[in-house]
Amino acid sequence: MAAEDRHFSSETVRDMQVALDLAWSSLTPEQQAQSSKTLLAARILDAAEAGERGPARLLMLALMSARRLSFCYNRVG
């Protein structure tokens, strides 16, 4: 679904922003270098679009995504 077709309540948008900010700030500089805030945001958006609304769950999914990327990067790099 295109970004312009996504509609969320203001509370959900706030929860997604909080989850993104917390996820990004909890990553080490090395993890941030191996990840992308945009990719974390996309994971959060996808989860919210699938119906996830819990801020803690959105945060967890974003962190799992970042750690997965970091793991893959370290295995290849």
Protein backbone atom coordinates (compact mmCIF):
# COMPACT_ATOMS: atom_id res chain seq x y z
CA MET A 1 0.00 0.00 0.00
CA ALA A 2 1.35 3.42 -0.92
CA ALA A 3 2.26 5.73 1.97
CA GLU A 4 -0.38 8.25 0.92
CA ASP A 5 -3.06 5.53 1.23
CA ARG A 6 -2.22 4.77 4.88
CA HIS A 7 -4.42 6.40 7.49
CA PHE A 8 -3.75 6.20 11.23
CA SER A 9 -5.26 7.96 14.22
CA SER A 10 -3.20 10.70 15.84
CA GLU A 11 -2.66 8.41 18.85
CA THR A 12 -1.29 5.65 16.63
CA VAL A 13 1.00 8.09 14.82
CA ARG A 14 2.30 9.31 18.18
CA ASP A 15 2.89 5.72 19.33
CA MET A 16 4.73 4.91 16.10
CA GLN A 17 6.95 8.00 16.50
CA VAL A 18 7.76 7.11 20.10
CA ALA A 19 8.58 3.52 19.09
CA LEU A 20 10.84 4.75 16.28
CA ASP A 21 12.67 7.25 18.49
CA LEU A 22 13.17 4.70 21.28
CA ALA A 23 14.29 2.00 18.88
CA TRP A 24 16.82 4.25 17.17
CA SER A 25 18.21 5.69 20.40
CA SER A 26 18.61 2.22 21.92
CA LEU A 27 20.87 1.05 19.10
CA THR A 28 24.61 1.31 19.50
CA PRO A 29 26.46 3.54 17.04
CA GLU A 30 27.66 0.39 15.28
CA GLN A 31 24.11 -0.91 14.94
CA GLN A 32 22.95 2.49 13.67
CA ALA A 33 25.71 2.39 11.05
CA GLN A 34 24.49 -1.02 9.90
CA SER A 35 20.82 -0.11 9.89
CA SER A 36 18.63 2.73 8.73
CA LYS A 37 16.06 4.78 10.60
CA THR A 38 13.97 4.65 7.43
CA LEU A 39 13.96 0.84 7.52
CA LEU A 40 12.91 0.87 11.17
CA ALA A 41 10.11 3.30 10.33
CA ALA A 42 8.98 1.08 7.46
CA ARG A 43 8.85 -1.94 9.78
CA ILE A 44 6.78 0.03 12.29
CA LEU A 45 4.44 1.25 9.55
CA ASP A 46 4.00 -2.27 8.22
CA ALA A 47 3.20 -3.58 11.70
CA ALA A 48 0.69 -0.78 12.34
CA GLU A 49 -0.89 -1.38 8.95
CA ALA A 50 -1.28 -5.06 9.89
CA GLY A 51 -3.18 -3.98 13.00
CA GLU A 52 -0.48 -3.74 15.66
CA ARG A 53 -1.11 -0.73 17.90
CA GLY A 54 0.78 -1.47 21.11
CA PRO A 55 3.74 0.92 21.47
CA ALA A 56 5.85 -1.72 23.24
CA ARG A 57 5.15 -4.25 20.49
CA LEU A 58 5.95 -1.71 17.76
CA LEU A 59 9.24 -0.98 19.54
CA MET A 60 10.07 -4.66 19.87
CA LEU A 61 9.36 -5.34 16.19
CA ALA A 62 11.57 -2.41 15.14
CA LEU A 63 14.42 -3.61 17.34
CA MET A 64 14.09 -7.17 16.08
CA SER A 65 14.33 -5.84 12.54
CA ALA A 66 17.42 -3.76 13.35
CA ARG A 67 19.13 -6.65 15.09
CA ARG A 68 18.34 -8.96 12.19
CA LEU A 69 19.95 -6.47 9.80
CA SER A 70 22.95 -6.11 12.08
CA PHE A 71 23.33 -9.90 12.30
CA CYS A 72 23.19 -10.27 8.51
CA TYR A 73 25.67 -7.43 8.03
CA ASN A 74 28.11 -8.97 10.48
CA ARG A 75 27.89 -12.39 8.85
CA VAL A 76 28.57 -10.97 5.38
CA GLY A 77 30.97 -8.19 6.39
